[in-house]
Protein backbone atom coordinates (compact mmCIF):
# COMPACT_ATOMS: atom_id res chain seq x y z
CA MET A 1 33.19 31.53 4.41
CA ILE A 2 29.45 31.79 5.14
CA THR A 3 27.77 34.00 2.57
CA GLN A 4 24.75 36.21 3.15
CA LYS A 5 22.82 33.84 0.87
CA THR A 6 23.60 30.85 3.13
CA ILE A 7 22.50 32.80 6.24
CA THR A 8 19.22 33.79 4.57
CA PHE A 9 18.69 30.16 3.51
CA LEU A 10 19.33 28.84 7.03
CA ILE A 11 16.97 31.41 8.56
CA SER A 12 14.28 30.48 6.03
CA LEU A 13 14.82 26.82 6.94
CA LEU A 14 14.33 27.63 10.61
CA ILE A 15 11.14 29.53 9.86
CA CYS A 16 9.79 26.71 7.66
CA GLY A 17 10.72 24.27 10.39
CA THR A 18 8.65 26.15 12.92
CA ILE A 19 5.66 26.34 10.58
CA SER A 20 5.35 22.57 10.25
CA ALA A 21 6.15 22.09 13.92
CA GLN A 22 3.37 24.47 14.91
CA LEU A 23 0.70 22.57 13.03
CA PRO A 24 -0.41 19.97 15.61
CA THR A 25 -2.54 22.38 17.60
CA LYS A 26 -5.29 21.18 19.95
CA LYS A 27 -7.82 22.47 17.42
CA TYR A 28 -6.26 20.41 14.62
CA GLU A 29 -6.10 17.33 16.85
CA LYS A 30 -9.78 17.72 17.82
CA LYS A 31 -10.80 18.05 14.17
CA ILE A 32 -9.00 14.81 13.26
CA ASP A 33 -10.34 13.03 16.37
CA SER A 34 -13.95 13.89 15.57
CA LEU A 35 -13.52 12.87 11.93
CA ILE A 36 -12.11 9.45 12.88
CA LEU A 37 -14.78 8.92 15.55
CA THR A 38 -17.48 9.07 12.85
CA GLY A 39 -16.29 5.64 11.71
CA PHE A 40 -14.34 4.35 14.70
CA GLY A 41 -16.34 5.76 17.59
CA ASN A 42 -17.08 2.65 19.62
CA GLN A 43 -14.15 1.81 21.89
CA ASN A 44 -15.53 -1.71 22.50
CA GLU A 45 -15.41 -2.67 18.83
CA PRO A 46 -12.51 -3.52 16.53
CA GLY A 47 -10.74 -0.27 15.75
CA GLY A 48 -7.86 1.25 13.89
CA VAL A 49 -4.70 3.29 13.85
CA PHE A 50 -4.27 6.64 12.12
CA THR A 51 -1.04 8.56 11.68
CA VAL A 52 -0.12 11.81 9.95
CA THR A 53 3.49 12.82 9.34
CA GLN A 54 4.99 15.75 7.50
CA LYS A 55 8.68 15.82 6.55
CA GLY A 56 9.12 12.88 8.92
CA LYS A 57 7.59 14.74 11.90
CA THR A 58 4.55 13.21 13.58
CA LEU A 59 1.52 15.50 13.48
CA TYR A 60 -0.98 12.88 14.65
CA ARG A 61 -0.66 9.27 15.85
CA LYS A 62 -3.55 7.56 17.63
CA SER A 63 -5.29 4.24 18.01
CA PHE A 64 -9.00 3.49 18.47
CA GLY A 65 -11.03 0.50 19.63
CA LYS A 66 -9.80 -3.03 20.34
CA ALA A 67 -6.94 -5.04 18.89
CA ASN A 68 -8.52 -8.22 20.27
CA LEU A 69 -12.17 -8.51 21.34
CA GLU A 70 -11.90 -11.88 23.07
CA LEU A 71 -9.07 -10.75 25.35
CA ASP A 72 -10.43 -7.19 25.61
CA VAL A 73 -7.10 -5.69 24.50
CA ASN A 74 -7.02 -2.05 23.42
CA MET A 75 -5.51 -1.06 20.11
CA THR A 76 -2.13 0.72 20.19
CA PRO A 77 -0.35 2.62 17.40
CA GLU A 78 2.23 -0.21 17.33
CA ASN A 79 -0.24 -2.95 16.33
CA VAL A 80 0.46 -5.08 13.25
CA PHE A 81 -2.26 -5.24 10.56
CA GLN A 82 -2.72 -7.11 7.34
CA ILE A 83 -2.47 -4.42 4.66
CA GLY A 84 -4.20 -6.22 1.76
CA SER A 85 -3.59 -4.57 -1.61
CA MET A 86 -1.05 -2.08 -0.26
CA THR A 87 1.14 -5.18 -0.81
CA LYS A 88 1.13 -4.26 -4.52
CA GLN A 89 3.53 -1.36 -3.82
CA PHE A 90 6.11 -3.82 -2.49
CA THR A 91 5.60 -6.14 -5.46
CA SER A 92 6.03 -3.35 -8.01
CA VAL A 93 9.15 -1.98 -6.28
CA SER A 94 10.59 -5.53 -6.19
CA ILE A 95 10.15 -5.72 -9.97
CA LEU A 96 11.93 -2.37 -10.32
CA ILE A 97 14.74 -3.59 -8.01
CA LEU A 98 15.21 -6.56 -10.37
CA GLU A 99 15.18 -4.20 -13.35
CA GLN A 100 17.81 -2.05 -11.67
CA GLN A 101 19.91 -5.20 -11.15
CA GLY A 102 19.61 -5.88 -14.91
CA LYS A 103 17.63 -9.10 -14.38
CA LEU A 104 14.46 -8.08 -16.24
CA LYS A 105 12.87 -5.18 -18.09
CA VAL A 106 9.35 -3.84 -17.55
CA ASN A 107 8.80 -3.96 -21.32
CA ASP A 108 9.65 -7.67 -21.50
CA PRO A 109 6.80 -9.94 -22.63
CA ILE A 110 5.81 -12.31 -19.84
CA SER A 111 6.40 -15.29 -22.18
CA LYS A 112 10.11 -14.62 -21.57
CA TYR A 113 9.60 -15.91 -18.00
CA ILE A 114 6.45 -18.05 -18.23
CA LYS A 115 6.83 -19.86 -21.55
CA ASP A 116 3.33 -21.32 -21.81
CA TYR A 117 1.35 -18.25 -20.72
CA PRO A 118 -1.53 -17.76 -23.19
CA ASN A 119 -0.88 -14.65 -25.34
CA GLY A 120 2.23 -14.16 -23.18
CA ASP A 121 4.19 -12.60 -26.04
CA LYS A 122 1.63 -9.73 -26.19
CA ILE A 123 1.36 -9.12 -22.42
CA THR A 124 4.29 -7.24 -20.89
CA VAL A 125 5.44 -6.86 -17.28
CA HIS A 126 4.36 -3.21 -17.67
CA HIS A 127 0.79 -4.33 -18.48
CA LEU A 128 0.72 -6.38 -15.24
CA LEU A 129 2.07 -3.47 -13.16
CA THR A 130 -0.51 -1.02 -14.53
CA HIS A 131 -3.61 -3.30 -14.50
CA THR A 132 -3.88 -3.07 -18.28
CA SER A 133 -3.20 -6.74 -19.16
CA GLY A 134 -6.83 -7.82 -19.62
CA ILE A 135 -6.25 -11.17 -17.91
CA LYS A 136 -9.06 -12.50 -15.72
CA ASP A 137 -9.03 -11.28 -12.11
CA PHE A 138 -9.10 -14.46 -9.98
CA THR A 139 -11.11 -12.70 -7.24
CA LYS A 140 -14.04 -12.57 -9.69
CA MET A 141 -13.95 -16.29 -10.48
CA LYS A 142 -16.74 -18.44 -9.01
CA SER A 143 -14.33 -21.34 -8.49
CA LEU A 144 -12.19 -19.25 -6.09
CA SER A 145 -13.88 -20.82 -3.04
CA SER A 146 -12.52 -24.24 -4.11
CA ILE A 147 -8.91 -23.08 -3.51
CA ALA A 148 -9.33 -20.29 -0.94
CA GLN A 149 -8.06 -22.42 1.94
CA LYS A 150 -5.54 -24.54 0.04
CA GLU A 151 -1.80 -24.05 0.18
CA MET A 152 -1.05 -22.98 -3.40
CA GLU A 153 2.37 -22.82 -5.06
CA PRO A 154 2.74 -19.60 -7.10
CA LYS A 155 2.77 -21.65 -10.32
CA ALA A 156 -0.48 -23.39 -9.33
CA MET A 157 -2.00 -20.01 -8.51
CA VAL A 158 -1.09 -18.69 -11.98
CA ASP A 159 -2.41 -21.91 -13.58
CA PHE A 160 -5.70 -21.37 -11.74
CA PHE A 161 -6.62 -18.34 -13.86
CA LYS A 162 -4.27 -18.24 -16.86
CA ASN A 163 -6.55 -20.13 -19.27
CA GLU A 164 -9.65 -18.07 -18.47
CA PRO A 165 -10.98 -15.94 -21.35
CA VAL A 166 -9.39 -12.47 -21.26
CA ASP A 167 -11.46 -9.34 -20.59
CA PHE A 168 -9.75 -7.19 -23.25
CA ALA A 169 -6.58 -6.93 -25.34
CA PRO A 170 -3.41 -5.86 -23.48
CA GLY A 171 -3.16 -2.08 -23.11
CA GLU A 172 -6.75 -1.46 -24.20
CA LYS A 173 -8.04 -0.30 -20.83
CA PHE A 174 -7.25 0.07 -17.14
CA ASP A 175 -9.13 -2.43 -14.98
CA TYR A 176 -7.83 -3.10 -11.44
CA ASN A 177 -6.63 -6.68 -11.39
CA ASN A 178 -5.24 -8.94 -8.67
CA SER A 179 -4.17 -11.71 -11.06
CA GLY A 180 -1.60 -9.43 -12.70
CA TYR A 181 0.13 -8.92 -9.37
CA VAL A 182 0.12 -12.67 -8.62
CA VAL A 183 1.89 -13.22 -11.96
CA LEU A 184 4.41 -10.51 -10.96
CA GLY A 185 5.11 -12.34 -7.68
CA TYR A 186 5.73 -15.55 -9.63
CA ILE A 187 8.09 -13.68 -12.01
CA ILE A 188 9.98 -12.25 -8.98
CA GLU A 189 10.52 -15.85 -7.79
CA LEU A 190 11.59 -17.14 -11.21
CA VAL A 191 14.02 -14.28 -11.86
CA SER A 192 15.51 -13.99 -8.34
CA GLY A 193 15.63 -17.71 -7.60
CA ASP A 194 14.15 -16.96 -4.17
CA THR A 195 10.65 -17.04 -2.68
CA TYR A 196 8.62 -13.85 -2.84
CA GLU A 197 8.52 -13.79 0.97
CA ASN A 198 12.34 -14.00 1.26
CA PHE A 199 12.89 -11.50 -1.54
CA ILE A 200 10.70 -8.87 0.14
CA ARG A 201 12.27 -9.52 3.53
CA LYS A 202 15.90 -9.33 2.35
CA ASN A 203 15.59 -6.55 -0.22
CA ILE A 204 13.05 -4.31 1.50
CA PHE A 205 12.06 -5.06 5.12
CA ASP A 206 15.57 -5.86 6.44
CA LYS A 207 17.23 -3.17 4.36
CA ILE A 208 15.14 -0.27 5.69
CA GLY A 209 14.41 -1.53 9.20
CA MET A 210 10.75 -2.56 8.76
CA THR A 211 11.12 -4.86 11.77
CA HIS A 212 7.36 -5.33 12.33
CA SER A 213 6.43 -6.22 8.76
CA TYR A 214 5.84 -9.76 7.56
CA TYR A 215 4.45 -12.04 4.92
CA ALA A 216 1.13 -12.83 6.59
CA SER A 217 0.56 -15.97 8.61
CA ASP A 218 -2.19 -17.13 10.95
CA ARG A 219 0.15 -19.71 12.49
CA LYS A 220 3.23 -17.68 13.36
CA ILE A 221 3.39 -15.80 16.63
CA ILE A 222 3.39 -12.17 15.54
CA PRO A 223 4.02 -9.76 18.43
CA GLN A 224 1.45 -6.94 18.66
CA ARG A 225 -0.83 -8.58 16.07
CA ALA A 226 -4.24 -6.92 15.72
CA TYR A 227 -6.86 -9.63 15.17
CA GLY A 228 -9.20 -9.30 12.18
CA TYR A 229 -13.01 -9.27 12.38
CA HIS A 230 -16.19 -9.25 10.31
CA LYS A 231 -19.46 -7.75 11.47
CA LYS A 232 -22.58 -9.94 11.23
CA GLU A 233 -26.19 -9.19 12.21
CA HIS A 234 -25.64 -10.68 15.68
CA GLY A 235 -22.27 -8.95 16.27
CA PHE A 236 -18.62 -9.52 15.46
CA VAL A 237 -16.97 -12.77 14.38
CA ASN A 238 -13.33 -13.70 13.83
CA LYS A 239 -12.22 -13.27 10.25
CA THR A 240 -12.63 -16.02 7.68
CA ILE A 241 -9.42 -18.02 7.37
CA ILE A 242 -7.88 -18.05 3.90
CA SER A 243 -4.58 -19.36 2.66
CA PHE A 244 -2.24 -16.40 2.16
CA SER A 245 -0.73 -18.23 -0.79
CA VAL A 246 -3.90 -17.27 -2.70
CA PRO A 247 -3.71 -13.44 -2.55
CA PHE A 248 0.09 -13.97 -2.48
CA SER A 249 1.93 -10.96 -3.99
CA SER A 250 -1.32 -9.09 -4.63
CA GLY A 251 -2.32 -8.84 -0.95
CA SER A 252 -0.49 -10.92 1.68
CA LEU A 253 1.74 -8.55 3.63
CA MET A 254 1.40 -7.28 7.20
CA SER A 255 2.80 -4.06 8.62
CA THR A 256 2.41 -1.20 11.08
CA ALA A 257 1.80 2.52 10.57
CA ASP A 258 5.37 3.28 11.72
CA ASP A 259 6.92 0.73 9.34
CA LEU A 260 4.87 2.10 6.44
CA LEU A 261 6.37 5.51 7.16
CA LYS A 262 9.86 3.96 6.89
CA TRP A 263 8.76 2.54 3.54
CA GLN A 264 7.61 5.93 2.29
CA GLN A 265 10.85 7.58 3.43
CA ALA A 266 12.97 4.91 1.74
CA LEU A 267 11.15 5.64 -1.53
CA ASN A 268 11.72 9.39 -1.10
CA GLN A 269 15.39 8.94 -0.31
CA ASN A 270 16.05 6.45 -3.15
CA THR A 271 17.32 3.92 -0.60
CA LEU A 272 15.96 0.98 -2.59
CA LEU A 273 15.82 2.34 -6.12
CA ASN A 274 17.67 5.00 -8.07
CA SER A 275 15.62 8.05 -9.04
CA GLN A 276 15.10 6.82 -12.61
CA GLU A 277 13.48 3.55 -11.47
CA THR A 278 11.52 5.35 -8.72
CA GLN A 279 10.13 7.73 -11.34
CA LYS A 280 8.61 4.76 -13.21
CA ALA A 281 6.43 3.89 -10.22
CA PHE A 282 5.01 7.39 -9.90
CA GLN A 283 4.25 8.45 -13.44
CA LYS A 284 0.98 8.18 -15.34
CA TYR A 285 0.87 5.96 -18.41
CA LYS A 286 -1.21 5.80 -21.58
CA LEU A 287 -3.50 3.17 -23.07
CA ASN A 288 -3.12 1.99 -26.68
CA ASN A 289 -5.44 4.79 -27.84
CA GLY A 290 -3.23 7.44 -26.22
CA GLU A 291 -5.59 8.08 -23.31
CA GLU A 292 -3.83 8.68 -19.97
CA PHE A 293 -4.95 6.79 -16.85
CA THR A 294 -4.27 7.59 -13.20
CA TYR A 295 -2.20 4.62 -12.03
CA GLY A 296 1.57 4.15 -11.90
CA TYR A 297 3.18 0.93 -10.69
CA GLY A 298 1.34 0.02 -7.47
CA TRP A 299 -0.08 3.48 -6.74
CA HIS A 300 -3.17 5.43 -7.80
CA LEU A 301 -2.04 8.90 -8.90
CA LYS A 302 -4.90 11.19 -8.00
CA GLU A 303 -5.34 14.53 -6.30
CA ILE A 304 -6.74 15.98 -3.11
CA ASN A 305 -8.30 19.42 -3.51
CA GLY A 306 -6.21 19.95 -6.64
CA THR A 307 -2.92 18.84 -5.02
CA PRO A 308 -1.41 15.68 -6.62
CA ASP A 309 -1.17 12.62 -4.38
CA ARG A 310 -0.18 8.95 -4.51
CA GLU A 311 -2.55 6.61 -2.77
CA HIS A 312 -3.56 3.00 -2.38
CA GLY A 313 -5.94 1.09 -0.17
CA GLY A 314 -6.25 -2.55 0.75
CA SER A 315 -9.00 -4.93 1.76
CA VAL A 316 -8.54 -8.51 2.87
CA PHE A 317 -10.71 -10.66 5.16
CA GLY A 318 -10.87 -8.84 8.52
CA PHE A 319 -8.77 -5.80 7.55
CA LYS A 320 -8.78 -2.59 5.54
CA SER A 321 -5.93 -0.16 4.93
CA MET A 322 -5.28 3.16 3.23
CA GLY A 323 -2.19 5.25 2.57
CA VAL A 324 -2.11 8.75 1.05
CA TYR A 325 1.14 10.51 0.23
CA ILE A 326 1.30 14.17 -0.87
CA PRO A 327 4.72 14.81 -2.45
CA GLU A 328 4.38 18.60 -2.48
CA GLU A 329 4.22 18.71 1.34
CA ASP A 330 6.08 15.43 2.02
CA MET A 331 2.98 14.41 3.96
CA TYR A 332 1.97 10.79 4.61
CA ILE A 333 -1.36 9.72 6.10
CA ILE A 334 -2.04 6.11 7.08
CA GLY A 335 -5.30 4.50 8.19
CA LEU A 336 -5.40 0.85 9.29
CA SER A 337 -8.50 -1.05 10.44
CA ASN A 338 -8.97 -4.53 11.93
CA CYS A 339 -12.56 -5.01 10.78
CA ASP A 340 -13.55 -4.99 7.14
CA CYS A 341 -16.74 -3.31 8.39
CA HIS A 342 -14.79 -0.11 9.16
CA SER A 343 -13.22 1.45 6.10
CA PRO A 344 -10.39 3.96 6.64
CA THR A 345 -10.37 4.99 2.95
CA GLU A 346 -12.45 8.17 2.96
CA ILE A 347 -11.44 9.10 6.50
CA THR A 348 -7.76 8.94 5.50
CA ARG A 349 -8.41 11.12 2.44
CA ASP A 350 -10.42 13.57 4.56
CA ILE A 351 -7.58 13.78 7.10
CA ALA A 352 -5.30 14.63 4.17
CA LYS A 353 -7.71 17.40 3.07
CA ILE A 354 -7.88 18.92 6.57
CA THR A 355 -4.10 18.72 7.09
CA LEU A 356 -3.38 20.26 3.68
CA ALA A 357 -5.75 23.13 4.41
CA GLU A 358 -4.14 23.69 7.83
CA ILE A 359 -0.61 23.68 6.39
CA LYS A 360 -1.60 26.17 3.68
CA ALA A 361 -3.36 28.43 6.21
CA SER A 362 -0.36 28.22 8.56
CA ALA A 363 2.04 29.12 5.72
CA LYS A 364 -0.08 32.17 4.83
CA LYS A 365 0.03 33.46 8.43
CA HIS A 366 3.82 33.30 8.44
C-alpha cells in the first residue's frame, strides 16, 4: 500500500534530483573553466585534471595541458598522477581497518609494536594519526638527501628519524608531520604481516574497484601515467627521481580523479569501515590543554564559506593534488597537477566555493 507520505517523498526526490542535474549549465562550466585557466592556461605545458561530482553525478570533468611534454601527449581525465600526501587518507583508513579487525587500537602506545621506539610508551597511534606526536619530521632533516634515492626498508626509514630530538611532548600541539605516517605504515606491516603496498591493494584498491591506483613506481609500466615536471628558469625538466620507499605511507600512492571518487563513495557507504570507525576519521580532536584542532585522521576538517568540509592536498616531486569533500551536499572536488609549479590547492577550493553557491542559488529558485 503506497501512502500519501511515500508519494510526496518520491515527488520531492524527483524534484531534488532535477535540481542537482540542472546545475552544470554553460555559465557554470565557463566560470570553472576560466578559474582553472588562471593557473593551467598554457596548453603546451604540464597540466592537470579537475572533476566535480555531486551525489555521484558528474558536474565537471576536464583535463588541461600535457601529460607528457617529450611525446607531446595531451592530458586526459583518465591520467594517473602521484597524489603525494593524499596517501595519508589510505594509511589512516588502513589503521582503522586493523582496529575494526581487533588487531590494534588507536589508543595503543606505539611501544606495543615497536619495542625500542624512544618515548614509545607515551606516543600513541592516535598521536601519529593526528600529527600531535612531536616526533621529528624527516622531510625537515638535512641528512634526508643522503637517503632520498636509496631503497629503504620501513624499519630503516623509522630508524632514520626515531632518535632525533622531539619537537614537543605528545599531544601538546598539532604540527603536520610525515614521520608519524611512516611509522603508521610500518605498524600496518607489523600488525598485518603483509607489506603496506599489498595491504592497501587487497583491502582498499581491489575491494572498491580502484583499478588505476598503485603504490608508485618509476620502473613499472603504468598505463595512462602522467609524467611529472619541475619548472626551472630555462623551462621544464623531468621530475627529480626519489625512492618511493622514503615517503612510503606518508606520500607514495598514485591514482586518478575517477578512482578517488570511488574512494570517497566507499567511505560514505561504509564499504571499508563501519560507521563507528569512519566517524573517528572525520571528527576533531583536542590537545592536552583541551584546545580543539582541525584535523581528524588523514583529513583537515575545515570549512568553505561557513560550510564544513574535509580536505587534503599532496605535494611530491613533479606532482600536486587536492581533494575537497563537502558532506552536506555530498560534493567532491578533485584537482591533480603534473608539475609542482602548478598548485591545484586554491583553485580546487575556489571551485568548491562556486559550486556551493550555485547549488544554493539553484535550490532557492526551486
